[in-house]
PDB file of N, CA and C in Angstrom:
ATOM      1  N   UNK A   1      61.830 -15.510  13.607  1.00  0.00           N
ATOM      2  CA  UNK A   1      62.890 -14.459  13.154  1.00  0.00           C
ATOM      3  C   UNK A   1      62.435 -13.204  13.423  1.00  0.00           C
ATOM      4  N   UNK A   2      63.351 -12.241  13.851  1.00  0.00           N
ATOM      5  CA  UNK A   2      63.104 -10.850  14.248  1.00  0.00           C
ATOM      6  C   UNK A   2      63.060  -9.990  12.907  1.00  0.00           C
ATOM      7  N   UNK A   3      62.052  -9.017  13.018  1.00  0.00           N
ATOM      8  CA  UNK A   3      62.023  -8.146  11.750  1.00  0.00           C
ATOM      9  C   UNK A   3      63.231  -7.022  12.196  1.00  0.00           C
ATOM     10  N   UNK A   4      63.629  -6.290  11.188  1.00  0.00           N
ATOM     11  CA  UNK A   4      64.649  -5.308  11.192  1.00  0.00           C
ATOM     12  C   UNK A   4      64.497  -4.313  12.269  1.00  0.00           C
ATOM     13  N   UNK A   5      63.261  -3.771  12.482  1.00  0.00           N
ATOM     14  CA  UNK A   5      62.965  -2.735  13.492  1.00  0.00           C
ATOM     15  C   UNK A   5      63.155  -3.317  14.831  1.00  0.00           C
ATOM     16  N   UNK A   6      62.776  -4.545  15.225  1.00  0.00           N
ATOM     17  CA  UNK A   6      62.868  -5.115  16.388  1.00  0.00           C
ATOM     18  C   UNK A   6      64.323  -5.267  16.855  1.00  0.00           C
ATOM     19  N   UNK A   7      65.119  -5.788  15.763  1.00  0.00           N
ATOM     20  CA  UNK A   7      66.706  -5.877  15.967  1.00  0.00           C
ATOM     21  C   UNK A   7      67.398  -4.497  16.301  1.00  0.00           C
ATOM     22  N   UNK A   8      66.819  -3.501  15.597  1.00  0.00           N
ATOM     23  CA  UNK A   8      67.407  -2.280  15.864  1.00  0.00           C
ATOM     24  C   UNK A   8      66.917  -1.617  17.295  1.00  0.00           C
ATOM     25  N   UNK A   9      65.675  -1.825  17.553  1.00  0.00           N
ATOM     26  CA  UNK A   9      65.441  -1.516  18.891  1.00  0.00           C
ATOM     27  C   UNK A   9      66.080  -2.178  20.225  1.00  0.00           C
ATOM     28  N   UNK A  10      66.401  -3.533  19.938  1.00  0.00           N
ATOM     29  CA  UNK A  10      67.105  -4.163  21.050  1.00  0.00           C
ATOM     30  C   UNK A  10      68.374  -3.762  21.098  1.00  0.00           C
ATOM     31  N   UNK A  11      69.028  -3.359  19.882  1.00  0.00           N
ATOM     32  CA  UNK A  11      70.377  -2.873  19.907  1.00  0.00           C
ATOM     33  C   UNK A  11      70.614  -1.621  20.424  1.00  0.00           C
ATOM     34  N   UNK A  12      69.836  -0.844  20.456  1.00  0.00           N
ATOM     35  CA  UNK A  12      69.802   0.592  21.165  1.00  0.00           C
ATOM     36  C   UNK A  12      69.418   0.744  22.661  1.00  0.00           C
ATOM     37  N   UNK A  13      69.024  -0.327  23.259  1.00  0.00           N
ATOM     38  CA  UNK A  13      68.757  -0.221  24.586  1.00  0.00           C
ATOM     39  C   UNK A  13      70.223  -0.202  25.472  1.00  0.00           C
ATOM     40  N   UNK A  14      70.252   0.761  26.173  1.00  0.00           N
ATOM     41  CA  UNK A  14      71.454   0.969  26.953  1.00  0.00           C
ATOM     42  C   UNK A  14      71.273   0.657  28.344  1.00  0.00           C
ATOM     43  N   UNK A  15      72.178  -0.121  28.892  1.00  0.00           N
ATOM     44  CA  UNK A  15      72.060  -0.446  30.450  1.00  0.00           C
ATOM     45  C   UNK A  15      72.125   0.893  31.191  1.00  0.00           C
ATOM     46  N   UNK A  16      71.543   0.881  32.266  1.00  0.00           N
ATOM     47  CA  UNK A  16      71.563   1.904  33.230  1.00  0.00           C
ATOM     48  C   UNK A  16      72.225   1.421  34.605  1.00  0.00           C
ATOM     49  N   UNK A  17      72.950   2.078  35.070  1.00  0.00           N
ATOM     50  CA  UNK A  17      73.849   1.713  36.226  1.00  0.00           C
ATOM     51  C   UNK A  17      73.462   2.674  37.346  1.00  0.00           C
ATOM     52  N   UNK A  18      73.071   1.921  38.518  1.00  0.00           N
ATOM     53  CA  UNK A  18      72.777   2.808  39.698  1.00  0.00           C
ATOM     54  C   UNK A  18      74.230   3.041  40.386  1.00  0.00           C
ATOM     55  N   UNK A  19      74.440   4.264  40.770  1.00  0.00           N
ATOM     56  CA  UNK A  19      75.786   4.477  41.484  1.00  0.00           C
ATOM     57  C   UNK A  19      75.560   4.490  42.834  1.00  0.00           C
ATOM     58  N   UNK A  20      76.570   3.667  43.642  1.00  0.00           N
ATOM     59  CA  UNK A  20      76.519   3.758  44.996  1.00  0.00           C
ATOM     60  C   UNK A  20      77.791   4.386  45.527  1.00  0.00           C
ATOM     61  N   UNK A  21      77.867   5.489  46.127  1.00  0.00           N
ATOM     62  CA  UNK A  21      79.154   6.180  46.523  1.00  0.00           C
ATOM     63  C   UNK A  21      79.485   5.670  47.869  1.00  0.00           C
ATOM     64  N   UNK A  22      80.811   5.528  47.886  1.00  0.00           N
ATOM     65  CA  UNK A  22      81.321   5.004  49.294  1.00  0.00           C
ATOM     66  C   UNK A  22      81.390   6.307  50.102  1.00  0.00           C
ATOM     67  N   UNK A  23      81.031   5.957  51.383  1.00  0.00           N
ATOM     68  CA  UNK A  23      81.053   7.143  52.269  1.00  0.00           C
ATOM     69  C   UNK A  23      82.566   7.682  52.343  1.00  0.00           C
ATOM     70  N   UNK A  24      82.633   9.155  52.487  1.00  0.00           N
ATOM     71  CA  UNK A  24      83.851   9.797  52.557  1.00  0.00           C
ATOM     72  C   UNK A  24      84.851   9.149  53.519  1.00  0.00           C
ATOM     73  N   UNK A  25      84.291   8.911  54.916  1.00  0.00           N
ATOM     74  CA  UNK A  25      85.370   8.634  55.813  1.00  0.00           C
ATOM     75  C   UNK A  25      85.984   7.123  55.619  1.00  0.00           C
ATOM     76  N   UNK A  26      85.558   6.432  54.678  1.00  0.00           N
ATOM     77  CA  UNK A  26      85.992   5.150  54.257  1.00  0.00           C
ATOM     78  C   UNK A  26      86.961   5.065  53.135  1.00  0.00           C
ATOM     79  N   UNK A  27      86.995   6.201  52.459  1.00  0.00           N
ATOM     80  CA  UNK A  27      87.698   6.309  51.209  1.00  0.00           C
ATOM     81  C   UNK A  27      89.258   5.973  51.418  1.00  0.00           C
ATOM     82  N   UNK A  28      89.842   6.534  52.437  1.00  0.00           N
ATOM     83  CA  UNK A  28      91.343   6.140  52.703  1.00  0.00           C
ATOM     84  C   UNK A  28      91.416   4.737  53.039  1.00  0.00           C
ATOM     85  N   UNK A  29      90.816   4.184  53.659  1.00  0.00           N
ATOM     86  CA  UNK A  29      90.971   2.618  54.177  1.00  0.00           C
ATOM     87  C   UNK A  29      90.872   1.944  52.627  1.00  0.00           C
ATOM     88  N   UNK A  30      89.990   2.225  51.768  1.00  0.00           N
ATOM     89  CA  UNK A  30      90.058   1.306  50.564  1.00  0.00           C
ATOM     90  C   UNK A  30      91.162   1.846  49.622  1.00  0.00           C
ATOM     91  N   UNK A  31      91.365   3.166  49.628  1.00  0.00           N
ATOM     92  CA  UNK A  31      92.422   3.498  48.801  1.00  0.00           C
ATOM     93  C   UNK A  31      93.779   2.891  49.277  1.00  0.00           C
ATOM     94  N   UNK A  32      94.035   2.470  50.494  1.00  0.00           N
ATOM     95  CA  UNK A  32      95.442   1.952  50.858  1.00  0.00           C
ATOM     96  C   UNK A  32      95.310   0.481  51.286  1.00  0.00           C
ATOM     97  N   UNK A  33      94.223  -0.006  51.103  1.00  0.00           N
ATOM     98  CA  UNK A  33      94.077  -1.583  51.179  1.00  0.00           C
ATOM     99  C   UNK A  33      94.865  -2.331  50.139  1.00  0.00           C
ATOM    100  N   UNK A  34      95.449  -3.342  50.581  1.00  0.00           N
ATOM    101  CA  UNK A  34      95.964  -4.183  49.512  1.00  0.00           C
ATOM    102  C   UNK A  34      95.082  -4.723  48.452  1.00  0.00           C
ATOM    103  N   UNK A  35      95.644  -4.974  47.279  1.00  0.00           N
ATOM    104  CA  UNK A  35      94.606  -5.655  46.337  1.00  0.00           C
ATOM    105  C   UNK A  35      94.276  -7.008  46.440  1.00  0.00           C
ATOM    106  N   UNK A  36      93.048  -7.533  46.399  1.00  0.00           N
ATOM    107  CA  UNK A  36      92.874  -8.982  46.486  1.00  0.00           C
ATOM    108  C   UNK A  36      92.032  -9.194  45.117  1.00  0.00           C
ATOM    109  N   UNK A  37      92.209 -10.431  44.791  1.00  0.00           N
ATOM    110  CA  UNK A  37      91.351 -10.798  43.517  1.00  0.00           C
ATOM    111  C   UNK A  37      90.236 -11.564  44.056  1.00  0.00           C
ATOM    112  N   UNK A  38      89.228 -11.667  43.077  1.00  0.00           N
ATOM    113  CA  UNK A  38      88.015 -12.376  43.543  1.00  0.00           C
ATOM    114  C   UNK A  38      86.855 -11.345  43.775  1.00  0.00           C
ATOM    115  N   UNK A  39      85.815 -11.896  44.119  1.00  0.00           N
ATOM    116  CA  UNK A  39      84.590 -10.882  44.495  1.00  0.00           C
ATOM    117  C   UNK A  39      84.877 -10.276  45.742  1.00  0.00           C
ATOM    118  N   UNK A  40      84.605  -8.953  45.454  1.00  0.00           N
ATOM    119  CA  UNK A  40      84.525  -8.141  46.728  1.00  0.00           C
ATOM    120  C   UNK A  40      83.313  -8.011  47.479  1.00  0.00           C
ATOM    121  N   UNK A  41      83.467  -8.454  48.708  1.00  0.00           N
ATOM    122  CA  UNK A  41      82.115  -8.363  49.777  1.00  0.00           C
ATOM    123  C   UNK A  41      82.055  -7.014  50.200  1.00  0.00           C
ATOM    124  N   UNK A  42      81.052  -6.298  49.950  1.00  0.00           N
ATOM    125  CA  UNK A  42      80.783  -4.880  50.416  1.00  0.00           C
ATOM    126  C   UNK A  42      79.439  -4.972  51.168  1.00  0.00           C
ATOM    127  N   UNK A  43      79.584  -3.932  52.224  1.00  0.00           N
ATOM    128  CA  UNK A  43      78.491  -3.685  53.085  1.00  0.00           C
ATOM    129  C   UNK A  43      77.677  -2.375  52.757  1.00  0.00           C
ATOM    130  N   UNK A  44      76.248  -2.748  52.705  1.00  0.00           N
ATOM    131  CA  UNK A  44      75.472  -1.684  52.200  1.00  0.00           C
ATOM    132  C   UNK A  44      75.671  -0.362  53.127  1.00  0.00           C
ATOM    133  N   UNK A  45      75.811  -0.540  54.574  1.00  0.00           N
ATOM    134  CA  UNK A  45      75.957   0.699  55.242  1.00  0.00           C
ATOM    135  C   UNK A  45      77.106   1.589  55.052  1.00  0.00           C
ATOM    136  N   UNK A  46      78.121   1.077  54.208  1.00  0.00           N
ATOM    137  CA  UNK A  46      79.224   1.767  53.881  1.00  0.00           C
ATOM    138  C   UNK A  46      79.131   2.704  52.638  1.00  0.00           C
ATOM    139  N   UNK A  47      77.868   2.651  52.131  1.00  0.00           N
ATOM    140  CA  UNK A  47      77.541   3.393  50.870  1.00  0.00           C
ATOM    141  C   UNK A  47      76.419   4.360  51.230  1.00  0.00           C
ATOM    142  N   UNK A  48      76.474   5.493  50.482  1.00  0.00           N
ATOM    143  CA  UNK A  48      75.279   6.469  50.438  1.00  0.00           C
ATOM    144  C   UNK A  48      74.220   5.814  49.490  1.00  0.00           C
ATOM    145  N   UNK A  49      73.109   5.971  49.994  1.00  0.00           N
ATOM    146  CA  UNK A  49      71.907   5.474  49.348  1.00  0.00           C
ATOM    147  C   UNK A  49      71.793   6.331  48.153  1.00  0.00           C
ATOM    148  N   UNK A  50      71.498   5.743  46.819  1.00  0.00           N
ATOM    149  CA  UNK A  50      71.400   6.355  45.586  1.00  0.00           C
ATOM    150  C   UNK A  50      69.931   6.399  45.271  1.00  0.00           C
ATOM    151  N   UNK A  51      69.358   7.636  45.550  1.00  0.00           N
ATOM    152  CA  UNK A  51      67.907   7.950  45.445  1.00  0.00           C
ATOM    153  C   UNK A  51      67.613   8.756  44.318  1.00  0.00           C
ATOM    154  N   UNK A  52      68.408   9.353  43.733  1.00  0.00           N
ATOM    155  CA  UNK A  52      68.253  10.405  42.800  1.00  0.00           C
ATOM    156  C   UNK A  52      68.616   9.894  41.377  1.00  0.00           C
ATOM    157  N   UNK A  53      67.947  10.296  40.216  1.00  0.00           N
ATOM    158  CA  UNK A  53      68.273   9.985  38.898  1.00  0.00           C
ATOM    159  C   UNK A  53      69.643  10.301  38.648  1.00  0.00           C
ATOM    160  N   UNK A  54      70.143  11.494  39.287  1.00  0.00           N
ATOM    161  CA  UNK A  54      71.546  11.890  39.084  1.00  0.00           C
ATOM    162  C   UNK A  54      72.681  10.863  39.621  1.00  0.00           C
ATOM    163  N   UNK A  55      72.109   9.839  40.351  1.00  0.00           N
ATOM    164  CA  UNK A  55      73.000   8.787  40.766  1.00  0.00           C
ATOM    165  C   UNK A  55      72.866   7.508  39.890  1.00  0.00           C
ATOM    166  N   UNK A  56      72.500   7.817  38.550  1.00  0.00           N
ATOM    167  CA  UNK A  56      72.573   6.723  37.627  1.00  0.00           C
ATOM    168  C   UNK A  56      73.233   7.180  36.340  1.00  0.00           C
ATOM    169  N   UNK A  57      73.715   6.321  35.551  1.00  0.00           N
ATOM    170  CA  UNK A  57      74.461   6.542  34.341  1.00  0.00           C
ATOM    171  C   UNK A  57      74.064   5.493  33.348  1.00  0.00           C
ATOM    172  N   UNK A  58      73.733   5.923  32.141  1.00  0.00           N
ATOM    173  CA  UNK A  58      73.563   5.003  31.184  1.00  0.00           C
ATOM    174  C   UNK A  58      74.843   4.787  30.338  1.00  0.00           C
ATOM    175  N   UNK A  59      75.125   3.586  30.173  1.00  0.00           N
ATOM    176  CA  UNK A  59      76.430   3.246  29.400  1.00  0.00           C
ATOM    177  C   UNK A  59      76.362   1.802  28.985  1.00  0.00           C
ATOM    178  N   UNK A  60      77.027   1.264  27.984  1.00  0.00           N
ATOM    179  CA  UNK A  60      77.029  -0.022  27.558  1.00  0.00           C
ATOM    180  C   UNK A  60      77.895  -1.176  28.625  1.00  0.00           C
ATOM    181  N   UNK A  61      78.774  -0.477  29.106  1.00  0.00           N
ATOM    182  CA  UNK A  61      79.735  -1.113  30.024  1.00  0.00           C
ATOM    183  C   UNK A  61      80.091  -0.385  31.329  1.00  0.00           C
ATOM    184  N   UNK A  62      80.684  -0.865  32.357  1.00  0.00           N
ATOM    185  CA  UNK A  62      81.164  -0.182  33.529  1.00  0.00           C
ATOM    186  C   UNK A  62      82.338   0.867  33.053  1.00  0.00           C
ATOM    187  N   UNK A  63      83.130   0.338  32.224  1.00  0.00           N
ATOM    188  CA  UNK A  63      84.269   1.293  31.755  1.00  0.00           C
ATOM    189  C   UNK A  63      83.839   2.553  31.154  1.00  0.00           C
ATOM    190  N   UNK A  64      82.676   2.226  30.151  1.00  0.00           N
ATOM    191  CA  UNK A  64      82.083   3.360  29.459  1.00  0.00           C
ATOM    192  C   UNK A  64      81.433   4.263  30.329  1.00  0.00           C
ATOM    193  N   UNK A  65      80.809   3.819  31.525  1.00  0.00           N
ATOM    194  CA  UNK A  65      80.327   4.657  32.733  1.00  0.00           C
ATOM    195  C   UNK A  65      81.357   5.528  33.180  1.00  0.00           C
ATOM    196  N   UNK A  66      82.501   4.801  33.572  1.00  0.00           N
ATOM    197  CA  UNK A  66      83.535   5.619  34.140  1.00  0.00           C
ATOM    198  C   UNK A  66      84.034   6.694  33.133  1.00  0.00           C
ATOM    199  N   UNK A  67      84.278   6.491  31.888  1.00  0.00           N
ATOM    200  CA  UNK A  67      84.658   7.490  30.958  1.00  0.00           C
ATOM    201  C   UNK A  67      83.626   8.581  30.792  1.00  0.00           C
ATOM    202  N   UNK A  68      82.435   8.014  30.884  1.00  0.00           N
ATOM    203  CA  UNK A  68      81.249   9.226  30.625  1.00  0.00           C
ATOM    204  C   UNK A  68      81.158  10.311  31.983  1.00  0.00           C
ATOM    205  N   UNK A  69      81.515   9.638  33.056  1.00  0.00           N
ATOM    206  CA  UNK A  69      81.660  10.491  34.269  1.00  0.00           C
ATOM    207  C   UNK A  69      83.017  11.085  34.709  1.00  0.00           C
ATOM    208  N   UNK A  70      83.893  10.799  34.025  1.00  0.00           N
ATOM    209  CA  UNK A  70      85.224  11.159  34.356  1.00  0.00           C
ATOM    210  C   UNK A  70      85.365  12.552  34.531  1.00  0.00           C
ATOM    211  N   UNK A  71      84.810  13.421  33.571  1.00  0.00           N
ATOM    212  CA  UNK A  71      85.011  14.871  33.476  1.00  0.00           C
ATOM    213  C   UNK A  71      83.793  15.598  34.120  1.00  0.00           C
ATOM    214  N   UNK A  72      82.896  14.811  34.723  1.00  0.00           N
ATOM    215  CA  UNK A  72      81.664  15.350  35.279  1.00  0.00           C
ATOM    216  C   UNK A  72      81.931  16.056  36.489  1.00  0.00           C
ATOM    217  N   UNK A  73      80.889  16.623  37.317  1.00  0.00           N
ATOM    218  CA  UNK A  73      81.067  17.120  38.578  1.00  0.00           C
ATOM    219  C   UNK A  73      81.113  16.160  39.632  1.00  0.00           C
ATOM    220  N   UNK A  74      80.536  14.841  39.253  1.00  0.00           N
ATOM    221  CA  UNK A  74      80.743  13.699  40.199  1.00  0.00           C
ATOM    222  C   UNK A  74      81.295  12.437  39.506  1.00  0.00           C
ATOM    223  N   UNK A  75      82.550  12.527  39.395  1.00  0.00           N
ATOM    224  CA  UNK A  75      83.283  11.349  38.754  1.00  0.00           C
ATOM    225  C   UNK A  75      83.130  10.117  39.639  1.00  0.00           C
ATOM    226  N   UNK A  76      83.342   9.014  39.144  1.00  0.00           N
ATOM    227  CA  UNK A  76      83.428   7.665  39.998  1.00  0.00           C
ATOM    228  C   UNK A  76      84.759   7.969  40.808  1.00  0.00           C
ATOM    229  N   UNK A  77      84.915   7.398  42.038  1.00  0.00           N
ATOM    230  CA  UNK A  77      86.090   7.362  42.817  1.00  0.00           C
ATOM    231  C   UNK A  77      86.252   5.956  43.231  1.00  0.00           C
ATOM    232  N   UNK A  78      87.731   5.675  43.469  1.00  0.00           N
ATOM    233  CA  UNK A  78      87.905   4.278  43.901  1.00  0.00           C
ATOM    234  C   UNK A  78      86.940   3.934  45.219  1.00  0.00           C
ATOM    235  N   UNK A  79      86.330   2.596  45.035  1.00  0.00           N
ATOM    236  CA  UNK A  79      85.444   2.311  46.111  1.00  0.00           C
ATOM    237  C   UNK A  79      83.925   2.393  45.680  1.00  0.00           C
ATOM    238  N   UNK A  80      83.697   3.187  44.712  1.00  0.00           N
ATOM    239  CA  UNK A  80      82.312   3.467  44.434  1.00  0.00           C
ATOM    240  C   UNK A  80      81.764   2.068  43.688  1.00  0.00           C
ATOM    241  N   UNK A  81      80.437   1.786  43.700  1.00  0.00           N
ATOM    242  CA  UNK A  81      79.977   0.640  42.974  1.00  0.00           C
ATOM    243  C   UNK A  81      78.978   1.163  41.884  1.00  0.00           C
ATOM    244  N   UNK A  82      78.973   0.228  40.841  1.00  0.00           N
ATOM    245  CA  UNK A  82      77.966   0.397  39.947  1.00  0.00           C
ATOM    246  C   UNK A  82      77.003  -0.806  39.964  1.00  0.00           C
ATOM    247  N   UNK A  83      75.760  -0.630  40.111  1.00  0.00           N
ATOM    248  CA  UNK A  83      74.847  -1.688  40.094  1.00  0.00           C
ATOM    249  C   UNK A  83      73.916  -1.812  38.844  1.00  0.00           C
ATOM    250  N   UNK A  84      74.109  -2.858  38.033  1.00  0.00           N
ATOM    251  CA  UNK A  84      73.398  -2.939  36.833  1.00  0.00           C
ATOM    252  C   UNK A  84      71.778  -3.350  37.079  1.00  0.00           C
ATOM    253  N   UNK A  85      70.979  -3.242  36.107  1.00  0.00           N
ATOM    254  CA  UNK A  85      69.686  -3.425  36.229  1.00  0.00           C
ATOM    255  C   UNK A  85      69.399  -4.908  36.839  1.00  0.00           C
ATOM    256  N   UNK A  86      70.185  -5.724  36.441  1.00  0.00           N
ATOM    257  CA  UNK A  86      69.767  -7.201  37.263  1.00  0.00           C
ATOM    258  C   UNK A  86      70.438  -7.319  38.485  1.00  0.00           C
ATOM    259  N   UNK A  87      71.104  -6.253  39.099  1.00  0.00           N
ATOM    260  CA  UNK A  87      71.513  -6.324  40.389  1.00  0.00           C
ATOM    261  C   UNK A  87      72.873  -6.596  40.701  1.00  0.00           C
ATOM    262  N   UNK A  88      73.683  -7.070  39.527  1.00  0.00           N
ATOM    263  CA  UNK A  88      74.954  -7.486  39.521  1.00  0.00           C
ATOM    264  C   UNK A  88      75.687  -5.964  39.938  1.00  0.00           C
ATOM    265  N   UNK A  89      76.821  -6.320  40.827  1.00  0.00           N
ATOM    266  CA  UNK A  89      77.657  -5.124  41.222  1.00  0.00           C
ATOM    267  C   UNK A  89      79.048  -5.147  40.643  1.00  0.00           C
ATOM    268  N   UNK A  90      79.595  -3.976  40.505  1.00  0.00           N
ATOM    269  CA  UNK A  90      81.057  -3.823  40.003  1.00  0.00           C
ATOM    270  C   UNK A  90      81.528  -2.765  40.882  1.00  0.00           C
ATOM    271  N   UNK A  91      82.789  -3.194  41.415  1.00  0.00           N
ATOM    272  CA  UNK A  91      83.358  -2.083  42.341  1.00  0.00           C
ATOM    273  C   UNK A  91      84.489  -1.389  41.476  1.00  0.00           C
ATOM    274  N   UNK A  92      84.701  -0.209  41.566  1.00  0.00           N
ATOM    275  CA  UNK A  92      85.806   0.541  40.981  1.00  0.00           C
ATOM    276  C   UNK A  92      86.965   0.494  41.817  1.00  0.00           C
ATOM    277  N   UNK A  93      88.067  -0.062  41.461  1.00  0.00           N
ATOM    278  CA  UNK A  93      89.332  -0.233  41.990  1.00  0.00           C
ATOM    279  C   UNK A  93      90.346   0.558  41.138  1.00  0.00           C
ATOM    280  N   UNK A  94      91.644   0.547  41.765  1.00  0.00           N
ATOM    281  CA  UNK A  94      92.595   1.224  40.881  1.00  0.00           C
ATOM    282  C   UNK A  94      93.013   0.290  39.611  1.00  0.00           C
ATOM    283  N   UNK A  95      92.761  -1.054  39.648  1.00  0.00           N
ATOM    284  CA  UNK A  95      93.122  -1.909  38.691  1.00  0.00           C
ATOM    285  C   UNK A  95      91.898  -1.904  37.654  1.00  0.00           C
ATOM    286  N   UNK A  96      90.907  -1.310  37.881  1.00  0.00           N
ATOM    287  CA  UNK A  96      89.756  -1.310  37.036  1.00  0.00           C
ATOM    288  C   UNK A  96      88.382  -1.723  37.828  1.00  0.00           C
ATOM    289  N   UNK A  97      87.495  -2.332  37.166  1.00  0.00           N
ATOM    290  CA  UNK A  97      86.194  -2.805  37.778  1.00  0.00           C
ATOM    291  C   UNK A  97      86.373  -4.375  38.026  1.00  0.00           C
ATOM    292  N   UNK A  98      85.946  -4.736  39.164  1.00  0.00           N
ATOM    293  CA  UNK A  98      85.790  -6.117  39.578  1.00  0.00           C
ATOM    294  C   UNK A  98      84.460  -6.504  40.247  1.00  0.00           C
ATOM    295  N   UNK A  99      84.274  -7.670  40.244  1.00  0.00           N
ATOM    296  CA  UNK A  99      82.845  -8.066  40.710  1.00  0.00           C
ATOM    297  C   UNK A  99      82.753  -7.840  42.170  1.00  0.00           C
ATOM    298  N   UNK A 100      81.598  -7.671  42.650  1.00  0.00           N
ATOM    299  CA  UNK A 100      81.449  -7.222  44.115  1.00  0.00           C
ATOM    300  C   UNK A 100      79.781  -7.793  44.310  1.00  0.00           C
ATOM    301  N   UNK A 101      79.618  -8.204  45.603  1.00  0.00           N
ATOM    302  CA  UNK A 101      78.454  -8.723  46.067  1.00  0.00           C
ATOM    303  C   UNK A 101      78.099  -8.119  47.409  1.00  0.00           C
ATOM    304  N   UNK A 102      76.933  -7.922  47.835  1.00  0.00           N
ATOM    305  CA  UNK A 102      76.403  -7.358  49.197  1.00  0.00           C
ATOM    306  C   UNK A 102      76.755  -8.279  50.247  1.00  0.00           C
ATOM    307  N   UNK A 103      77.428  -7.935  51.291  1.00  0.00           N
ATOM    308  CA  UNK A 103      77.419  -8.759  52.376  1.00  0.00           C
ATOM    309  C   UNK A 103      76.200  -9.153  53.175  1.00  0.00           C
ATOM    310  N   UNK A 104      75.944 -10.303  53.307  1.00  0.00           N
ATOM    311  CA  UNK A 104      74.674 -10.810  53.998  1.00  0.00           C
ATOM    312  C   UNK A 104      74.809 -10.778  55.459  1.00  0.00           C
ATOM    313  N   UNK A 105      73.628 -10.312  56.204  1.00  0.00           N
ATOM    314  CA  UNK A 105      73.890 -10.257  57.414  1.00  0.00           C
ATOM    315  C   UNK A 105      73.921 -11.598  58.034  1.00  0.00           C
ATOM    316  N   UNK A 106      74.757 -11.836  59.148  1.00  0.00           N
ATOM    317  CA  UNK A 106      74.892 -13.079  59.707  1.00  0.00           C
ATOM    318  C   UNK A 106      73.486 -13.410  60.456  1.00  0.00           C
ATOM    319  N   UNK A 107      73.228 -14.666  60.418  1.00  0.00           N
ATOM    320  CA  UNK A 107      71.961 -15.157  61.062  1.00  0.00           C
ATOM    321  C   UNK A 107      72.431 -15.454  62.584  1.00  0.00           C
ATOM    322  N   UNK A 108      71.461 -14.929  63.309  1.00  0.00           N
ATOM    323  CA  UNK A 108      71.698 -15.080  64.851  1.00  0.00           C
ATOM    324  C   UNK A 108      71.098 -16.587  65.154  1.00  0.00           C
ATOM    325  N   UNK A 109      71.716 -17.077  66.077  1.00  0.00           N
ATOM    326  CA  UNK A 109      71.249 -18.495  66.274  1.00  0.00           C
ATOM    327  C   UNK A 109      69.881 -18.474  67.019  1.00  0.00           C
ATOM    328  N   UNK A 110      69.024 -19.312  66.879  1.00  0.00           N
ATOM    329  CA  UNK A 110      67.678 -19.212  67.484  1.00  0.00           C
ATOM    330  C   UNK A 110      67.771 -19.958  68.917  1.00  0.00           C
ATOM    331  N   UNK A 111      67.245 -19.143  70.000  1.00  0.00           N
ATOM    332  CA  UNK A 111      67.360 -19.793  71.435  1.00  0.00           C
ATOM    333  C   UNK A 111      66.498 -20.973  71.403  1.00  0.00           C
ATOM    334  N   UNK A 112      67.002 -22.124  71.942  1.00  0.00           N
ATOM    335  CA  UNK A 112      66.495 -23.331  72.006  1.00  0.00           C
ATOM    336  C   UNK A 112      66.393 -24.279  70.801  1.00  0.00           C
ATOM    337  N   UNK A 113      67.249 -23.856  69.763  1.00  0.00           N
ATOM    338  CA  UNK A 113      67.376 -24.591  68.510  1.00  0.00           C
ATOM    339  C   UNK A 113      68.126 -26.068  68.890  1.00  0.00           C
ATOM    340  N   UNK A 114      67.702 -27.073  68.010  1.00  0.00           N
ATOM    341  CA  UNK A 114      68.011 -28.366  68.269  1.00  0.00           C
ATOM    342  C   UNK A 114      69.695 -28.390  67.964  1.00  0.00           C
ATOM    343  N   UNK A 115      70.423 -29.042  68.881  1.00  0.00           N
ATOM    344  CA  UNK A 115      71.738 -28.992  68.716  1.00  0.00           C
ATOM    345  C   UNK A 115      72.520 -28.068  69.747  1.00  0.00           C
ATOM    346  N   UNK A 116      71.694 -27.160  70.265  1.00  0.00           N
ATOM    347  CA  UNK A 116      72.352 -26.284  71.495  1.00  0.00           C
ATOM    348  C   UNK A 116      72.838 -26.972  72.568  1.00  0.00           C
ATOM    349  N   UNK A 117      73.644 -26.613  73.301  1.00  0.00           N
ATOM    350  CA  UNK A 117      74.113 -27.371  74.563  1.00  0.00           C
ATOM    351  C   UNK A 117      73.134 -27.404  75.498  1.00  0.00           C
ATOM    352  N   UNK A 118      72.134 -26.367  75.761  1.00  0.00           N
ATOM    353  CA  UNK A 118      71.039 -26.491  76.620  1.00  0.00           C
ATOM    354  C   UNK A 118      70.097 -27.646  76.526  1.00  0.00           C
ATOM    355  N   UNK A 119      69.999 -28.101  75.175  1.00  0.00           N
ATOM    356  CA  UNK A 119      68.967 -29.114  74.979  1.00  0.00           C
ATOM    357  C   UNK A 119      69.470 -30.482  75.188  1.00  0.00           C
ATOM    358  N   UNK A 120      70.933 -30.566  75.499  1.00  0.00           N
ATOM    359  CA  UNK A 120      71.422 -31.848  75.681  1.00  0.00           C
ATOM    360  C   UNK A 120      71.486 -32.199  77.030  1.00  0.00           C
ATOM    361  N   UNK A 121      71.026 -33.638  77.283  1.00  0.00           N
ATOM    362  CA  UNK A 121      70.996 -34.089  78.757  1.00  0.00           C
ATOM    363  C   UNK A 121      72.434 -34.115  79.418  1.00  0.00           C
ATOM    364  N   UNK A 122      72.476 -33.818  80.668  1.00  0.00           N
ATOM    365  CA  UNK A 122      73.685 -34.000  81.316  1.00  0.00           C
ATOM    366  C   UNK A 122      73.954 -35.433  81.514  1.00  0.00           C
ATOM    367  N   UNK A 123      75.269 -35.893  81.189  1.00  0.00           N
ATOM    368  CA  UNK A 123      75.609 -37.348  81.305  1.00  0.00           C
ATOM    369  C   UNK A 123      76.116 -37.592  82.766  1.00  0.00           C
ATOM    370  N   UNK A 124      76.298 -36.459  83.554  1.00  0.00           N
ATOM    371  CA  UNK A 124      76.794 -36.764  85.003  1.00  0.00           C
ATOM    372  C   UNK A 124      75.808 -36.367  86.086  1.00  0.00           C
ATOM    373  N   UNK A 125      74.590 -37.132  86.143  1.00  0.00           N
ATOM    374  CA  UNK A 125      73.605 -36.735  87.171  1.00  0.00           C
ATOM    375  C   UNK A 125      73.638 -37.807  88.258  1.00  0.00           C
TER     376      UNK A 125
END
């Protein structure tokens, strides 16, 4: 059983979101893209690297983060991402926040791998 001070401490811990800003030249594409439901796949190269403490916001939810930044010098814009401490991503769209995940780079086939046409004997010799 938790004592009262432990419960109060755990209740006051505020999540910190890391802000990934969409690069400016891509904003129009995102703004006019049709809305699709489901998890958005995003590419790290399309975002500015968030390295400063100013690129973080403490808030209980992504929506609270949006409202906290709304009147600031750097509000969230459509296409921006919020990354929670556990690595989960939320992308800001016109309809609100939706799940997102980083696109994984495609694996290049290994030369000489089993199953490649070069490894199979010719039947017409």
